[in-house]
Amino acid sequence: MSNRWVVALAVAALAVTAGCLGAGGGGGPSDEQLAEDATYEWDRDADVRVNVTGGQYAVVADVDNRSEVKFAQRGGFGGRNPLQISAVQFRYPNGTTVDSEDIEVSTQNSRTVVTFPQDNGTFAYKAPAGSRQVSVQVGFEGSHELVLPAGMRVSFPVLGYVEPAGFEKSVEDNRVHASWESMDAGTIDARYYLERDLLLFGGATGVLALAAVGGVIYYRLRIRRLEDEREEAGLDVEK
């Protein structure tokens, strides 16, 4: 087989794979996921609160004159997949709470589509997060608050960050809180670290720095010794 055919087949395989991943990359959440039990903090200061814990995050959001919301997560080759939400609940203004039996969830165009029981209330759900990072689609308008796991920090630029910019940060009960006055699109992305990670990073950086300094000193001594040997051999004597 010629190289031209090999390249053509590789390109075709890549296109097919990208198409499959972009088109769906997996189904939406199962009935078991949607029906999972959860306890949410309905009382909060922000319109939307994202509470990140180990391996997942919980969102509690005000629903104001809207019938549905659509969620997706980034897929391979720039595509998208339905967000694997779980433990869905809806709270009516009078305080009555219903679960997945009264909330319609479907998958359309590689998105998870949630249809609410009514146009006003509060919606809550959970979704997966990484051990050191989280990406949350902004599905609701208004003020937003992101609460990171206990002990995690974002201040050191190499190891941590929060996006988008323009947030106010505070630390309460050993948890970082990032707050935005208004947000209506995009995603909230955060990478965080334990304080001990910063110490380990600093220690590793220090070891590398010492190794680099030691290498420079070694080669300078080596060059000086070679110069002395050349001088002793009379190779550097000017004529």
Protein backbone atom coordinates (compact mmCIF):
# COMPACT_ATOMS: atom_id res chain seq x y z
CA MET A 1 0.00 0.00 0.00
CA SER A 2 1.41 3.39 -0.97
CA ASN A 3 2.00 6.21 1.48
CA ARG A 4 -0.75 8.20 -0.23
CA TRP A 5 -3.34 5.52 0.56
CA VAL A 6 -2.10 5.26 4.16
CA VAL A 7 -2.52 9.00 4.66
CA ALA A 8 -5.97 8.95 3.04
CA LEU A 9 -7.18 6.11 5.28
CA ALA A 10 -5.81 7.82 8.38
CA VAL A 11 -7.59 11.05 7.52
CA ALA A 12 -10.84 9.18 6.84
CA ALA A 13 -10.62 7.31 10.15
CA LEU A 14 -9.95 10.55 11.99
CA ALA A 15 -12.95 12.21 10.36
CA VAL A 16 -15.26 9.33 11.25
CA THR A 17 -14.02 9.27 14.84
CA ALA A 18 -14.40 13.02 15.20
CA GLY A 19 -17.89 12.83 13.77
CA CYS A 20 -18.97 10.13 16.17
CA LEU A 21 -17.57 11.93 19.19
CA GLY A 22 -18.97 15.25 18.13
CA ALA A 23 -22.40 13.86 17.39
CA GLY A 24 -22.98 12.24 20.72
CA GLY A 25 -20.14 10.44 22.44
CA GLY A 26 -22.58 8.55 24.65
CA GLY A 27 -26.16 8.76 25.85
CA GLY A 28 -27.68 11.00 28.45
CA PRO A 29 -28.19 10.29 32.14
CA SER A 30 -30.02 7.12 33.12
CA ASP A 31 -33.24 6.94 35.13
CA GLU A 32 -31.24 5.59 38.06
CA GLN A 33 -28.91 8.59 37.98
CA LEU A 34 -31.76 11.07 37.80
CA ALA A 35 -33.57 9.42 40.72
CA GLU A 36 -30.57 9.41 43.07
CA ASP A 37 -31.23 10.85 46.50
CA ALA A 38 -29.60 14.13 47.56
CA THR A 39 -29.94 16.88 50.14
CA TYR A 40 -29.56 20.41 48.77
CA GLU A 41 -29.03 23.78 50.44
CA TRP A 42 -32.02 25.64 49.06
CA ASP A 43 -31.35 28.80 51.08
CA ARG A 44 -28.47 30.78 49.59
CA ASP A 45 -27.39 34.31 48.73
CA ALA A 46 -26.63 33.87 45.00
CA ASP A 47 -29.17 33.06 42.29
CA VAL A 48 -27.00 30.09 41.31
CA ARG A 49 -24.76 28.24 43.74
CA VAL A 50 -22.23 25.61 42.67
CA ASN A 51 -20.98 23.49 45.54
CA VAL A 52 -17.97 21.35 44.57
CA THR A 53 -17.15 18.30 46.68
CA GLY A 54 -15.11 15.18 46.05
CA GLY A 55 -15.63 14.09 42.46
CA GLN A 56 -18.86 16.01 41.83
CA TYR A 57 -20.60 19.35 42.09
CA ALA A 58 -24.14 20.31 43.10
CA VAL A 59 -26.01 23.22 41.52
CA VAL A 60 -28.99 25.00 43.06
CA ALA A 61 -30.41 27.60 40.67
CA ASP A 62 -33.39 29.94 40.54
CA VAL A 63 -35.76 29.30 37.63
CA ASP A 64 -37.42 32.50 36.49
CA ASN A 65 -39.98 32.42 33.66
CA ARG A 66 -38.39 29.58 31.71
CA SER A 67 -39.59 26.10 30.90
CA GLU A 68 -36.34 24.22 30.24
CA VAL A 69 -32.54 24.24 30.31
CA LYS A 70 -30.00 22.45 28.12
CA PHE A 71 -26.67 21.07 29.31
CA ALA A 72 -23.65 19.70 27.44
CA GLN A 73 -20.05 18.88 28.23
CA ARG A 74 -16.98 19.13 26.05
CA GLY A 75 -16.28 16.08 23.89
CA GLY A 76 -13.30 14.94 21.84
CA PHE A 77 -12.19 16.86 18.73
CA GLY A 78 -14.19 19.93 19.73
CA GLY A 79 -17.53 18.10 19.93
CA ARG A 80 -19.98 17.89 22.80
CA ASN A 81 -21.71 15.19 24.84
CA PRO A 82 -24.84 15.24 27.01
CA LEU A 83 -24.02 16.23 30.57
CA GLN A 84 -24.41 13.31 32.98
CA ILE A 85 -26.56 15.02 35.59
CA SER A 86 -28.05 13.15 38.55
CA ALA A 87 -30.28 13.58 41.62
CA VAL A 88 -32.55 16.15 39.95
CA GLN A 89 -35.03 18.03 42.13
CA PHE A 90 -37.40 20.97 41.67
CA ARG A 91 -38.70 23.15 44.45
CA TYR A 92 -41.91 25.15 44.02
CA PRO A 93 -42.16 28.67 45.47
CA ASN A 94 -44.35 27.30 48.29
CA GLY A 95 -41.53 24.97 49.41
CA THR A 96 -42.86 21.72 47.92
CA THR A 97 -40.06 19.63 46.40
CA VAL A 98 -40.43 17.01 43.63
CA ASP A 99 -37.87 14.67 42.08
CA SER A 100 -37.21 12.99 38.73
CA GLU A 101 -40.75 11.58 38.50
CA ASP A 102 -42.06 15.10 37.88
CA ILE A 103 -39.09 16.46 35.92
CA GLU A 104 -38.75 15.56 32.24
CA VAL A 105 -35.18 14.84 31.14
CA SER A 106 -34.29 13.90 27.55
CA THR A 107 -31.31 13.89 25.19
CA GLN A 108 -31.44 16.02 22.04
CA ASN A 109 -28.63 17.04 19.68
CA SER A 110 -25.94 15.84 22.09
CA ARG A 111 -27.44 17.84 24.95
CA THR A 112 -29.27 16.92 28.11
CA VAL A 113 -32.58 18.78 28.08
CA VAL A 114 -34.44 19.36 31.35
CA THR A 115 -38.09 20.47 31.25
CA PHE A 116 -39.34 21.93 34.52
CA PRO A 117 -42.75 21.21 36.10
CA GLN A 118 -43.49 24.94 35.97
CA ASP A 119 -41.80 28.16 34.83
CA ASN A 120 -40.82 29.45 38.28
CA GLY A 121 -39.09 27.74 41.17
CA THR A 122 -35.67 26.34 42.04
CA PHE A 123 -33.86 23.54 40.22
CA ALA A 124 -31.09 21.38 41.68
CA TYR A 125 -28.86 18.72 40.20
CA LYS A 126 -25.44 17.08 40.51
CA ALA A 127 -22.75 16.40 37.89
CA PRO A 128 -19.22 14.95 37.79
CA ALA A 129 -16.11 16.97 38.65
CA GLY A 130 -12.41 16.16 38.61
CA SER A 131 -10.28 15.72 41.70
CA ARG A 132 -8.45 19.00 41.05
CA GLN A 133 -10.63 20.80 38.52
CA VAL A 134 -14.23 21.52 37.56
CA SER A 135 -16.04 22.92 34.53
CA VAL A 136 -19.65 24.05 34.98
CA GLN A 137 -21.87 25.19 32.14
CA VAL A 138 -23.66 28.42 32.98
CA GLY A 139 -27.28 27.49 32.35
CA PHE A 140 -29.00 30.23 34.34
CA GLU A 141 -28.80 34.00 34.54
CA GLY A 142 -28.08 36.09 37.60
CA SER A 143 -25.51 36.07 40.37
CA HIS A 144 -23.31 32.98 40.71
CA GLU A 145 -21.28 31.53 43.55
CA LEU A 146 -18.67 28.76 43.26
CA VAL A 147 -17.64 26.96 46.44
CA LEU A 148 -14.55 24.76 46.22
CA PRO A 149 -13.80 21.67 48.35
CA ALA A 150 -12.39 22.19 51.83
CA GLY A 151 -8.66 22.89 51.91
CA MET A 152 -8.38 23.68 48.20
CA ARG A 153 -6.79 26.93 47.01
CA VAL A 154 -6.46 28.81 43.71
CA SER A 155 -4.09 31.72 44.47
CA PHE A 156 -0.87 30.29 42.98
CA PRO A 157 -1.15 30.87 39.18
CA VAL A 158 0.76 27.79 38.04
CA LEU A 159 -1.41 25.37 40.00
CA GLY A 160 -4.76 27.12 40.32
CA TYR A 161 -7.15 29.52 38.61
CA VAL A 162 -10.82 30.49 38.36
CA GLU A 163 -12.48 31.73 35.17
CA PRO A 164 -14.13 33.94 34.06
CA ALA A 165 -12.43 36.90 35.71
CA GLY A 166 -14.23 39.61 37.62
CA PHE A 167 -15.14 37.55 40.69
CA GLU A 168 -14.81 38.30 44.38
CA LYS A 169 -12.96 35.70 46.42
CA SER A 170 -13.23 34.84 50.09
CA VAL A 171 -12.36 31.90 52.34
CA GLU A 172 -15.03 30.65 54.73
CA ASP A 173 -14.73 27.52 56.87
CA ASN A 174 -11.56 26.60 54.95
CA ARG A 175 -13.41 26.72 51.60
CA VAL A 176 -12.76 29.17 48.77
CA HIS A 177 -15.85 31.09 47.57
CA ALA A 178 -15.80 32.86 44.19
CA SER A 179 -18.77 35.14 43.45
CA TRP A 180 -19.96 36.93 40.30
CA GLU A 181 -22.63 39.63 40.41
CA SER A 182 -24.01 38.63 37.02
CA MET A 183 -23.46 35.85 34.50
CA ASP A 184 -25.61 34.60 31.65
CA ALA A 185 -23.49 32.39 29.36
CA GLY A 186 -20.29 30.39 29.00
CA THR A 187 -18.72 28.17 31.63
CA ILE A 188 -17.16 28.46 35.05
CA ASP A 189 -13.78 26.76 35.03
CA ALA A 190 -11.55 26.22 38.05
CA ARG A 191 -8.35 24.36 38.82
CA TYR A 192 -7.34 24.07 42.46
CA TYR A 193 -4.77 22.49 44.73
CA LEU A 194 -4.19 21.53 48.33
CA GLU A 195 -1.80 23.72 50.28
CA ARG A 196 0.49 20.73 50.68
CA ASP A 197 0.65 20.50 46.86
CA LEU A 198 2.13 23.99 46.87
CA LEU A 199 4.77 22.88 49.37
CA LEU A 200 5.60 19.85 47.25
CA PHE A 201 5.77 22.02 44.14
CA GLY A 202 8.05 24.48 45.93
CA GLY A 203 10.26 21.65 47.17
CA ALA A 204 10.53 20.12 43.70
CA THR A 205 11.32 23.53 42.22
CA GLY A 206 13.98 24.06 44.86
CA VAL A 207 15.59 20.68 44.14
CA LEU A 208 15.67 21.41 40.41
CA ALA A 209 17.14 24.84 41.05
CA LEU A 210 19.87 23.36 43.26
CA ALA A 211 20.59 20.72 40.63
CA ALA A 212 20.89 23.40 37.96
CA VAL A 213 23.24 25.49 40.13
CA GLY A 214 25.29 22.39 40.94
CA GLY A 215 25.58 21.56 37.25
CA VAL A 216 26.79 25.05 36.41
CA ILE A 217 29.38 24.94 39.22
CA TYR A 218 30.56 21.49 38.11
CA TYR A 219 31.07 22.52 34.49
CA ARG A 220 32.81 25.74 35.48
CA LEU A 221 35.23 23.77 37.67
CA ARG A 222 35.73 21.29 34.84
CA ILE A 223 36.51 24.06 32.37
CA ARG A 224 38.93 25.69 34.82
CA ARG A 225 40.71 22.38 35.33
CA LEU A 226 41.05 21.87 31.59
CA GLU A 227 42.45 25.39 31.26
CA ASP A 228 44.99 24.64 34.00
CA GLU A 229 45.99 21.40 32.27
CA ARG A 230 46.43 23.21 28.95
CA GLU A 231 48.57 25.84 30.65
CA GLU A 232 50.73 23.22 32.36
CA ALA A 233 51.21 21.49 29.01
CA GLY A 234 52.33 24.76 27.47
CA LEU A 235 49.47 24.87 24.98
CA ASP A 236 48.39 28.38 25.95
CA VAL A 237 51.91 29.94 25.90
CA GLU A 238 51.98 32.99 23.62
CA LYS A 239 54.73 33.09 21.02
